[in-house]
Amino acid sequence: MKLSDFDFRVWDGKKYINNIKGGVYIHKINDHIKCLNRNQDCYDYEFELDDLDNSNLEIELFTGLYDKNGKKIYEGDIVSYITFQGTT
């Protein structure tokens, strides 16, 4: 996987928070997380996830694999597959 293909999603325990396309740096600073877009001036384009309980945030990386429908598979996804003996 190339760095340009780097993709992730963030789970806050209730819903997924989508990342910014074009590359993102994630920094945990004290009690908040800052996401910075590296394709623009970081000081002009940043947001904080202060309203979330950061102790429950989970970053799930894209595995580089896709399911049969072309949907990305991330770490922690539950998948099933079919073998000669049946579905697993």
PDB file of N, CA and C in Angstrom:
ATOM      1  N   MET A   1       0.841  -1.166   0.000  1.00  0.00           N
ATOM      2  CA  MET A   1       0.000   0.000   0.000  1.00  0.00           C
ATOM      3  C   MET A   1       0.895   1.241   0.000  1.00  0.00           C
ATOM      4  N   LYS A   2       0.569   2.188  -0.858  1.00  0.00           N
ATOM      5  CA  LYS A   2       1.317   3.436  -0.928  1.00  0.00           C
ATOM      6  C   LYS A   2       0.809   4.395   0.148  1.00  0.00           C
ATOM      7  N   LEU A   3       1.650   5.342   0.518  1.00  0.00           N
ATOM      8  CA  LEU A   3       1.249   6.341   1.502  1.00  0.00           C
ATOM      9  C   LEU A   3       0.020   7.101   1.030  1.00  0.00           C
ATOM     10  N   SER A   4      -0.110   7.312  -0.287  1.00  0.00           N
ATOM     11  CA  SER A   4      -1.273   8.033  -0.805  1.00  0.00           C
ATOM     12  C   SER A   4      -2.561   7.245  -0.625  1.00  0.00           C
ATOM     13  N   ASP A   5      -2.460   5.920  -0.388  1.00  0.00           N
ATOM     14  CA  ASP A   5      -3.634   5.077  -0.181  1.00  0.00           C
ATOM     15  C   ASP A   5      -4.003   4.956   1.293  1.00  0.00           C
ATOM     16  N   PHE A   6      -3.232   5.600   2.166  1.00  0.00           N
ATOM     17  CA  PHE A   6      -3.470   5.516   3.604  1.00  0.00           C
ATOM     18  C   PHE A   6      -4.878   6.006   3.913  1.00  0.00           C
ATOM     19  N   ASP A   7      -5.622   5.183   4.598  1.00  0.00           N
ATOM     20  CA  ASP A   7      -7.005   5.514   4.919  1.00  0.00           C
ATOM     21  C   ASP A   7      -7.320   4.938   6.289  1.00  0.00           C
ATOM     22  N   PHE A   8      -8.173   5.611   7.016  1.00  0.00           N
ATOM     23  CA  PHE A   8      -8.568   5.140   8.328  1.00  0.00           C
ATOM     24  C   PHE A   8      -9.961   5.662   8.641  1.00  0.00           C
ATOM     25  N   ARG A   9     -10.518   5.150   9.703  1.00  0.00           N
ATOM     26  CA  ARG A   9     -11.756   5.690  10.242  1.00  0.00           C
ATOM     27  C   ARG A   9     -11.623   5.685  11.762  1.00  0.00           C
ATOM     28  N   VAL A  10     -12.390   6.536  12.391  1.00  0.00           N
ATOM     29  CA  VAL A  10     -12.335   6.667  13.843  1.00  0.00           C
ATOM     30  C   VAL A  10     -13.702   6.304  14.407  1.00  0.00           C
ATOM     31  N   TRP A  11     -13.717   5.392  15.364  1.00  0.00           N
ATOM     32  CA  TRP A  11     -14.947   4.949  16.026  1.00  0.00           C
ATOM     33  C   TRP A  11     -14.977   5.586  17.406  1.00  0.00           C
ATOM     34  N   ASP A  12     -16.062   6.294  17.718  1.00  0.00           N
ATOM     35  CA  ASP A  12     -16.156   6.948  19.029  1.00  0.00           C
ATOM     36  C   ASP A  12     -17.025   6.167  20.010  1.00  0.00           C
ATOM     37  N   GLY A  13     -17.331   4.924  19.667  1.00  0.00           N
ATOM     38  CA  GLY A  13     -18.157   4.098  20.526  1.00  0.00           C
ATOM     39  C   GLY A  13     -19.623   4.085  20.115  1.00  0.00           C
ATOM     40  N   LYS A  14     -20.020   5.068  19.281  1.00  0.00           N
ATOM     41  CA  LYS A  14     -21.403   5.156  18.812  1.00  0.00           C
ATOM     42  C   LYS A  14     -21.490   5.289  17.295  1.00  0.00           C
ATOM     43  N   LYS A  15     -20.530   5.999  16.710  1.00  0.00           N
ATOM     44  CA  LYS A  15     -20.566   6.244  15.269  1.00  0.00           C
ATOM     45  C   LYS A  15     -19.145   6.401  14.746  1.00  0.00           C
ATOM     46  N   TYR A  16     -19.020   6.319  13.420  1.00  0.00           N
ATOM     47  CA  TYR A  16     -17.727   6.521  12.783  1.00  0.00           C
ATOM     48  C   TYR A  16     -17.550   7.989  12.424  1.00  0.00           C
ATOM     49  N   ILE A  17     -16.331   8.472  12.600  1.00  0.00           N
ATOM     50  CA  ILE A  17     -15.965   9.821  12.209  1.00  0.00           C
ATOM     51  C   ILE A  17     -15.081   9.672  10.989  1.00  0.00           C
ATOM     52  N   ASN A  18     -15.468  10.248   9.875  1.00  0.00           N
ATOM     53  CA  ASN A  18     -14.713  10.095   8.631  1.00  0.00           C
ATOM     54  C   ASN A  18     -13.471  10.971   8.654  1.00  0.00           C
ATOM     55  N   ASN A  19     -12.430  10.463   8.009  1.00  0.00           N
ATOM     56  CA  ASN A  19     -11.203  11.249   7.918  1.00  0.00           C
ATOM     57  C   ASN A  19     -11.276  12.206   6.740  1.00  0.00           C
ATOM     58  N   ILE A  20     -10.337  13.110   6.704  1.00  0.00           N
ATOM     59  CA  ILE A  20     -10.244  14.085   5.630  1.00  0.00           C
ATOM     60  C   ILE A  20      -9.435  13.460   4.502  1.00  0.00           C
ATOM     61  N   LYS A  21      -9.940  13.528   3.295  1.00  0.00           N
ATOM     62  CA  LYS A  21      -9.211  12.975   2.150  1.00  0.00           C
ATOM     63  C   LYS A  21      -7.974  13.833   1.866  1.00  0.00           C
ATOM     64  N   GLY A  22      -6.959  13.210   1.342  1.00  0.00           N
ATOM     65  CA  GLY A  22      -5.749  13.933   0.973  1.00  0.00           C
ATOM     66  C   GLY A  22      -4.627  13.814   1.983  1.00  0.00           C
ATOM     67  N   GLY A  23      -4.813  13.026   3.013  1.00  0.00           N
ATOM     68  CA  GLY A  23      -3.753  12.802   3.983  1.00  0.00           C
ATOM     69  C   GLY A  23      -3.985  13.573   5.258  1.00  0.00           C
ATOM     70  N   VAL A  24      -3.898  12.896   6.354  1.00  0.00           N
ATOM     71  CA  VAL A  24      -4.180  13.512   7.641  1.00  0.00           C
ATOM     72  C   VAL A  24      -3.153  13.059   8.653  1.00  0.00           C
ATOM     73  N   TYR A  25      -2.719  13.984   9.471  1.00  0.00           N
ATOM     74  CA  TYR A  25      -1.922  13.636  10.631  1.00  0.00           C
ATOM     75  C   TYR A  25      -2.847  13.652  11.842  1.00  0.00           C
ATOM     76  N   ILE A  26      -2.717  12.691  12.697  1.00  0.00           N
ATOM     77  CA  ILE A  26      -3.512  12.664  13.923  1.00  0.00           C
ATOM     78  C   ILE A  26      -2.543  12.816  15.086  1.00  0.00           C
ATOM     79  N   HIS A  27      -2.803  13.773  15.923  1.00  0.00           N
ATOM     80  CA  HIS A  27      -1.962  14.006  17.086  1.00  0.00           C
ATOM     81  C   HIS A  27      -2.817  14.003  18.335  1.00  0.00           C
ATOM     82  N   LYS A  28      -2.432  13.237  19.330  1.00  0.00           N
ATOM     83  CA  LYS A  28      -3.108  13.319  20.629  1.00  0.00           C
ATOM     84  C   LYS A  28      -2.276  14.252  21.485  1.00  0.00           C
ATOM     85  N   ILE A  29      -2.853  15.387  21.841  1.00  0.00           N
ATOM     86  CA  ILE A  29      -2.163  16.401  22.623  1.00  0.00           C
ATOM     87  C   ILE A  29      -2.957  16.607  23.900  1.00  0.00           C
ATOM     88  N   ASN A  30      -2.360  16.285  25.014  1.00  0.00           N
ATOM     89  CA  ASN A  30      -3.019  16.368  26.318  1.00  0.00           C
ATOM     90  C   ASN A  30      -4.337  15.608  26.285  1.00  0.00           C
ATOM     91  N   ASP A  31      -5.453  16.322  26.376  1.00  0.00           N
ATOM     92  CA  ASP A  31      -6.742  15.636  26.460  1.00  0.00           C
ATOM     93  C   ASP A  31      -7.577  15.779  25.200  1.00  0.00           C
ATOM     94  N   HIS A  32      -6.951  16.116  24.062  1.00  0.00           N
ATOM     95  CA  HIS A  32      -7.719  16.203  22.820  1.00  0.00           C
ATOM     96  C   HIS A  32      -6.914  15.676  21.642  1.00  0.00           C
ATOM     97  N   ILE A  33      -7.630  15.387  20.565  1.00  0.00           N
ATOM     98  CA  ILE A  33      -7.009  14.893  19.342  1.00  0.00           C
ATOM     99  C   ILE A  33      -7.116  15.973  18.286  1.00  0.00           C
ATOM    100  N   LYS A  34      -6.025  16.215  17.581  1.00  0.00           N
ATOM    101  CA  LYS A  34      -6.003  17.196  16.516  1.00  0.00           C
ATOM    102  C   LYS A  34      -5.731  16.474  15.211  1.00  0.00           C
ATOM    103  N   CYS A  35      -6.513  16.758  14.176  1.00  0.00           N
ATOM    104  CA  CYS A  35      -6.303  16.186  12.855  1.00  0.00           C
ATOM    105  C   CYS A  35      -5.859  17.305  11.929  1.00  0.00           C
ATOM    106  N   LEU A  36      -4.719  17.136  11.303  1.00  0.00           N
ATOM    107  CA  LEU A  36      -4.162  18.165  10.442  1.00  0.00           C
ATOM    108  C   LEU A  36      -4.040  17.645   9.026  1.00  0.00           C
ATOM    109  N   ASN A  37      -4.509  18.397   8.048  1.00  0.00           N
ATOM    110  CA  ASN A  37      -4.387  18.034   6.648  1.00  0.00           C
ATOM    111  C   ASN A  37      -3.008  18.459   6.162  1.00  0.00           C
ATOM    112  N   ARG A  38      -2.217  17.519   5.656  1.00  0.00           N
ATOM    113  CA  ARG A  38      -0.848  17.838   5.253  1.00  0.00           C
ATOM    114  C   ARG A  38      -0.755  18.442   3.866  1.00  0.00           C
ATOM    115  N   ASN A  39      -1.867  18.483   3.092  1.00  0.00           N
ATOM    116  CA  ASN A  39      -1.840  19.080   1.762  1.00  0.00           C
ATOM    117  C   ASN A  39      -2.097  20.577   1.787  1.00  0.00           C
ATOM    118  N   GLN A  40      -2.423  21.100   2.938  1.00  0.00           N
ATOM    119  CA  GLN A  40      -2.652  22.519   3.095  1.00  0.00           C
ATOM    120  C   GLN A  40      -1.839  22.996   4.287  1.00  0.00           C
ATOM    121  N   ASP A  41      -1.810  24.283   4.502  1.00  0.00           N
ATOM    122  CA  ASP A  41      -1.137  24.830   5.671  1.00  0.00           C
ATOM    123  C   ASP A  41      -1.852  24.310   6.914  1.00  0.00           C
ATOM    124  N   CYS A  42      -1.138  23.585   7.747  1.00  0.00           N
ATOM    125  CA  CYS A  42      -1.771  22.959   8.911  1.00  0.00           C
ATOM    126  C   CYS A  42      -2.408  23.993   9.836  1.00  0.00           C
ATOM    127  N   TYR A  43      -1.845  25.178   9.885  1.00  0.00           N
ATOM    128  CA  TYR A  43      -2.404  26.189  10.776  1.00  0.00           C
ATOM    129  C   TYR A  43      -3.708  26.758  10.239  1.00  0.00           C
ATOM    130  N   ASP A  44      -3.924  26.670   8.931  1.00  0.00           N
ATOM    131  CA  ASP A  44      -5.152  27.167   8.332  1.00  0.00           C
ATOM    132  C   ASP A  44      -6.244  26.101   8.273  1.00  0.00           C
ATOM    133  N   TYR A  45      -5.867  24.859   8.442  1.00  0.00           N
ATOM    134  CA  TYR A  45      -6.847  23.782   8.259  1.00  0.00           C
ATOM    135  C   TYR A  45      -6.647  22.738   9.340  1.00  0.00           C
ATOM    136  N   GLU A  46      -7.319  22.926  10.439  1.00  0.00           N
ATOM    137  CA  GLU A  46      -7.260  21.928  11.496  1.00  0.00           C
ATOM    138  C   GLU A  46      -8.566  21.946  12.260  1.00  0.00           C
ATOM    139  N   PHE A  47      -8.882  20.836  12.867  1.00  0.00           N
ATOM    140  CA  PHE A  47     -10.059  20.792  13.718  1.00  0.00           C
ATOM    141  C   PHE A  47      -9.754  19.907  14.904  1.00  0.00           C
ATOM    142  N   GLU A  48     -10.441  20.166  15.979  1.00  0.00           N
ATOM    143  CA  GLU A  48     -10.241  19.398  17.192  1.00  0.00           C
ATOM    144  C   GLU A  48     -11.489  18.585  17.480  1.00  0.00           C
ATOM    145  N   LEU A  49     -11.289  17.427  18.045  1.00  0.00           N
ATOM    146  CA  LEU A  49     -12.393  16.553  18.408  1.00  0.00           C
ATOM    147  C   LEU A  49     -12.639  16.644  19.912  1.00  0.00           C
ATOM    148  N   ASP A  50     -12.638  17.879  20.417  1.00  0.00           N
ATOM    149  CA  ASP A  50     -12.757  18.087  21.858  1.00  0.00           C
ATOM    150  C   ASP A  50     -14.071  17.605  22.444  1.00  0.00           C
ATOM    151  N   ASP A  51     -15.128  17.583  21.635  1.00  0.00           N
ATOM    152  CA  ASP A  51     -16.427  17.228  22.177  1.00  0.00           C
ATOM    153  C   ASP A  51     -16.601  15.722  22.373  1.00  0.00           C
ATOM    154  N   LEU A  52     -15.602  14.948  22.014  1.00  0.00           N
ATOM    155  CA  LEU A  52     -15.688  13.492  22.143  1.00  0.00           C
ATOM    156  C   LEU A  52     -14.918  13.018  23.362  1.00  0.00           C
ATOM    157  N   ASP A  53     -15.319  11.889  23.891  1.00  0.00           N
ATOM    158  CA  ASP A  53     -14.564  11.245  24.948  1.00  0.00           C
ATOM    159  C   ASP A  53     -13.415  10.499  24.287  1.00  0.00           C
ATOM    160  N   ASN A  54     -12.241  11.109  24.278  1.00  0.00           N
ATOM    161  CA  ASN A  54     -11.103  10.569  23.531  1.00  0.00           C
ATOM    162  C   ASN A  54     -10.596   9.242  24.088  1.00  0.00           C
ATOM    163  N   SER A  55     -10.947   8.912  25.316  1.00  0.00           N
ATOM    164  CA  SER A  55     -10.493   7.628  25.865  1.00  0.00           C
ATOM    165  C   SER A  55     -11.178   6.465  25.163  1.00  0.00           C
ATOM    166  N   ASN A  56     -12.315   6.730  24.501  1.00  0.00           N
ATOM    167  CA  ASN A  56     -13.048   5.680  23.807  1.00  0.00           C
ATOM    168  C   ASN A  56     -12.801   5.654  22.306  1.00  0.00           C
ATOM    169  N   LEU A  57     -12.005   6.576  21.779  1.00  0.00           N
ATOM    170  CA  LEU A  57     -11.775   6.623  20.340  1.00  0.00           C
ATOM    171  C   LEU A  57     -10.877   5.476  19.903  1.00  0.00           C
ATOM    172  N   GLU A  58     -11.256   4.830  18.806  1.00  0.00           N
ATOM    173  CA  GLU A  58     -10.445   3.774  18.220  1.00  0.00           C
ATOM    174  C   GLU A  58     -10.165   4.121  16.771  1.00  0.00           C
ATOM    175  N   ILE A  59      -8.896   4.110  16.384  1.00  0.00           N
ATOM    176  CA  ILE A  59      -8.512   4.359  14.999  1.00  0.00           C
ATOM    177  C   ILE A  59      -8.379   3.013  14.314  1.00  0.00           C
ATOM    178  N   GLU A  60      -9.146   2.830  13.243  1.00  0.00           N
ATOM    179  CA  GLU A  60      -9.146   1.570  12.498  1.00  0.00           C
ATOM    180  C   GLU A  60      -8.540   1.832  11.123  1.00  0.00           C
ATOM    181  N   LEU A  61      -7.429   1.180  10.837  1.00  0.00           N
ATOM    182  CA  LEU A  61      -6.729   1.373   9.571  1.00  0.00           C
ATOM    183  C   LEU A  61      -7.342   0.516   8.468  1.00  0.00           C
ATOM    184  N   PHE A  62      -7.311   1.045   7.260  1.00  0.00           N
ATOM    185  CA  PHE A  62      -7.736   0.305   6.075  1.00  0.00           C
ATOM    186  C   PHE A  62      -6.732  -0.806   5.822  1.00  0.00           C
ATOM    187  N   THR A  63      -7.224  -2.013   5.590  1.00  0.00           N
ATOM    188  CA  THR A  63      -6.341  -3.175   5.407  1.00  0.00           C
ATOM    189  C   THR A  63      -5.751  -3.269   4.005  1.00  0.00           C
ATOM    190  N   GLY A  64      -6.318  -2.532   3.062  1.00  0.00           N
ATOM    191  CA  GLY A  64      -5.899  -2.659   1.673  1.00  0.00           C
ATOM    192  C   GLY A  64      -6.741  -3.676   0.926  1.00  0.00           C
ATOM    193  N   LEU A  65      -7.692  -4.306   1.625  1.00  0.00           N
ATOM    194  CA  LEU A  65      -8.564  -5.308   1.023  1.00  0.00           C
ATOM    195  C   LEU A  65      -9.967  -4.738   0.836  1.00  0.00           C
ATOM    196  N   TYR A  66     -10.668  -5.293  -0.138  1.00  0.00           N
ATOM    197  CA  TYR A  66     -12.046  -4.888  -0.429  1.00  0.00           C
ATOM    198  C   TYR A  66     -12.941  -6.116  -0.382  1.00  0.00           C
ATOM    199  N   ASP A  67     -14.215  -5.915  -0.020  1.00  0.00           N
ATOM    200  CA  ASP A  67     -15.137  -7.038  -0.053  1.00  0.00           C
ATOM    201  C   ASP A  67     -15.665  -7.232  -1.473  1.00  0.00           C
ATOM    202  N   LYS A  68     -16.556  -8.197  -1.660  1.00  0.00           N
ATOM    203  CA  LYS A  68     -17.048  -8.517  -3.007  1.00  0.00           C
ATOM    204  C   LYS A  68     -17.828  -7.368  -3.635  1.00  0.00           C
ATOM    205  N   ASN A  69     -18.283  -6.423  -2.826  1.00  0.00           N
ATOM    206  CA  ASN A  69     -19.021  -5.260  -3.332  1.00  0.00           C
ATOM    207  C   ASN A  69     -18.130  -4.041  -3.541  1.00  0.00           C
ATOM    208  N   GLY A  70     -16.825  -4.218  -3.336  1.00  0.00           N
ATOM    209  CA  GLY A  70     -15.891  -3.120  -3.525  1.00  0.00           C
ATOM    210  C   GLY A  70     -15.777  -2.192  -2.330  1.00  0.00           C
ATOM    211  N   LYS A  71     -16.358  -2.583  -1.194  1.00  0.00           N
ATOM    212  CA  LYS A  71     -16.300  -1.763   0.018  1.00  0.00           C
ATOM    213  C   LYS A  71     -14.996  -2.054   0.758  1.00  0.00           C
ATOM    214  N   LYS A  72     -14.356  -1.006   1.284  1.00  0.00           N
ATOM    215  CA  LYS A  72     -13.096  -1.161   1.992  1.00  0.00           C
ATOM    216  C   LYS A  72     -13.287  -1.965   3.275  1.00  0.00           C
ATOM    217  N   ILE A  73     -12.282  -2.795   3.592  1.00  0.00           N
ATOM    218  CA  ILE A  73     -12.289  -3.563   4.828  1.00  0.00           C
ATOM    219  C   ILE A  73     -11.261  -2.930   5.763  1.00  0.00           C
ATOM    220  N   TYR A  74     -11.718  -2.577   6.954  1.00  0.00           N
ATOM    221  CA  TYR A  74     -10.863  -1.937   7.950  1.00  0.00           C
ATOM    222  C   TYR A  74     -10.545  -2.920   9.065  1.00  0.00           C
ATOM    223  N   GLU A  75      -9.478  -2.610   9.831  1.00  0.00           N
ATOM    224  CA  GLU A  75      -9.149  -3.425  10.994  1.00  0.00           C
ATOM    225  C   GLU A  75     -10.364  -3.479  11.905  1.00  0.00           C
ATOM    226  N   GLY A  76     -10.665  -4.660  12.405  1.00  0.00           N
ATOM    227  CA  GLY A  76     -11.786  -4.814  13.319  1.00  0.00           C
ATOM    228  C   GLY A  76     -13.091  -5.165  12.637  1.00  0.00           C
ATOM    229  N   ASP A  77     -13.155  -5.068  11.307  1.00  0.00           N
ATOM    230  CA  ASP A  77     -14.377  -5.461  10.601  1.00  0.00           C
ATOM    231  C   ASP A  77     -14.586  -6.961  10.740  1.00  0.00           C
ATOM    232  N   ILE A  78     -15.834  -7.356  10.803  1.00  0.00           N
ATOM    233  CA  ILE A  78     -16.178  -8.779  10.858  1.00  0.00           C
ATOM    234  C   ILE A  78     -16.544  -9.212   9.449  1.00  0.00           C
ATOM    235  N   VAL A  79     -15.838 -10.201   8.949  1.00  0.00           N
ATOM    236  CA  VAL A  79     -16.079 -10.684   7.592  1.00  0.00           C
ATOM    237  C   VAL A  79     -16.380 -12.180   7.641  1.00  0.00           C
ATOM    238  N   SER A  80     -17.034 -12.668   6.615  1.00  0.00           N
ATOM    239  CA  SER A  80     -17.236 -14.106   6.482  1.00  0.00           C
ATOM    240  C   SER A  80     -16.745 -14.513   5.106  1.00  0.00           C
ATOM    241  N   TYR A  81     -16.398 -15.752   4.985  1.00  0.00           N
ATOM    242  CA  TYR A  81     -15.938 -16.261   3.699  1.00  0.00           C
ATOM    243  C   TYR A  81     -16.472 -17.671   3.506  1.00  0.00           C
ATOM    244  N   ILE A  82     -16.513 -18.072   2.269  1.00  0.00           N
ATOM    245  CA  ILE A  82     -17.056 -19.382   1.935  1.00  0.00           C
ATOM    246  C   ILE A  82     -15.916 -20.327   1.581  1.00  0.00           C
ATOM    247  N   THR A  83     -15.922 -21.495   2.205  1.00  0.00           N
ATOM    248  CA  THR A  83     -14.944 -22.533   1.908  1.00  0.00           C
ATOM    249  C   THR A  83     -15.677 -23.693   1.243  1.00  0.00           C
ATOM    250  N   PHE A  84     -14.954 -24.726   0.920  1.00  0.00           N
ATOM    251  CA  PHE A  84     -15.575 -25.906   0.336  1.00  0.00           C
ATOM    252  C   PHE A  84     -16.519 -26.588   1.334  1.00  0.00           C
ATOM    253  N   GLN A  85     -16.281 -26.346   2.630  1.00  0.00           N
ATOM    254  CA  GLN A  85     -17.131 -26.949   3.650  1.00  0.00           C
ATOM    255  C   GLN A  85     -18.347 -26.074   3.981  1.00  0.00           C
ATOM    256  N   GLY A  86     -18.382 -24.842   3.521  1.00  0.00           N
ATOM    257  CA  GLY A  86     -19.498 -23.943   3.815  1.00  0.00           C
ATOM    258  C   GLY A  86     -19.011 -22.583   4.274  1.00  0.00           C
ATOM    259  N   THR A  87     -19.930 -21.787   4.784  1.00  0.00           N
ATOM    260  CA  THR A  87     -19.608 -20.433   5.230  1.00  0.00           C
ATOM    261  C   THR A  87     -18.919 -20.458   6.584  1.00  0.00           C
ATOM    262  N   THR A  88     -17.916 -19.605   6.729  1.00  0.00           N
ATOM    263  CA  THR A  88     -17.179 -19.485   7.988  1.00  0.00           C
ATOM    264  C   THR A  88     -17.345 -18.084   8.527  1.00  0.00           C
TER     265      THR A  88
END
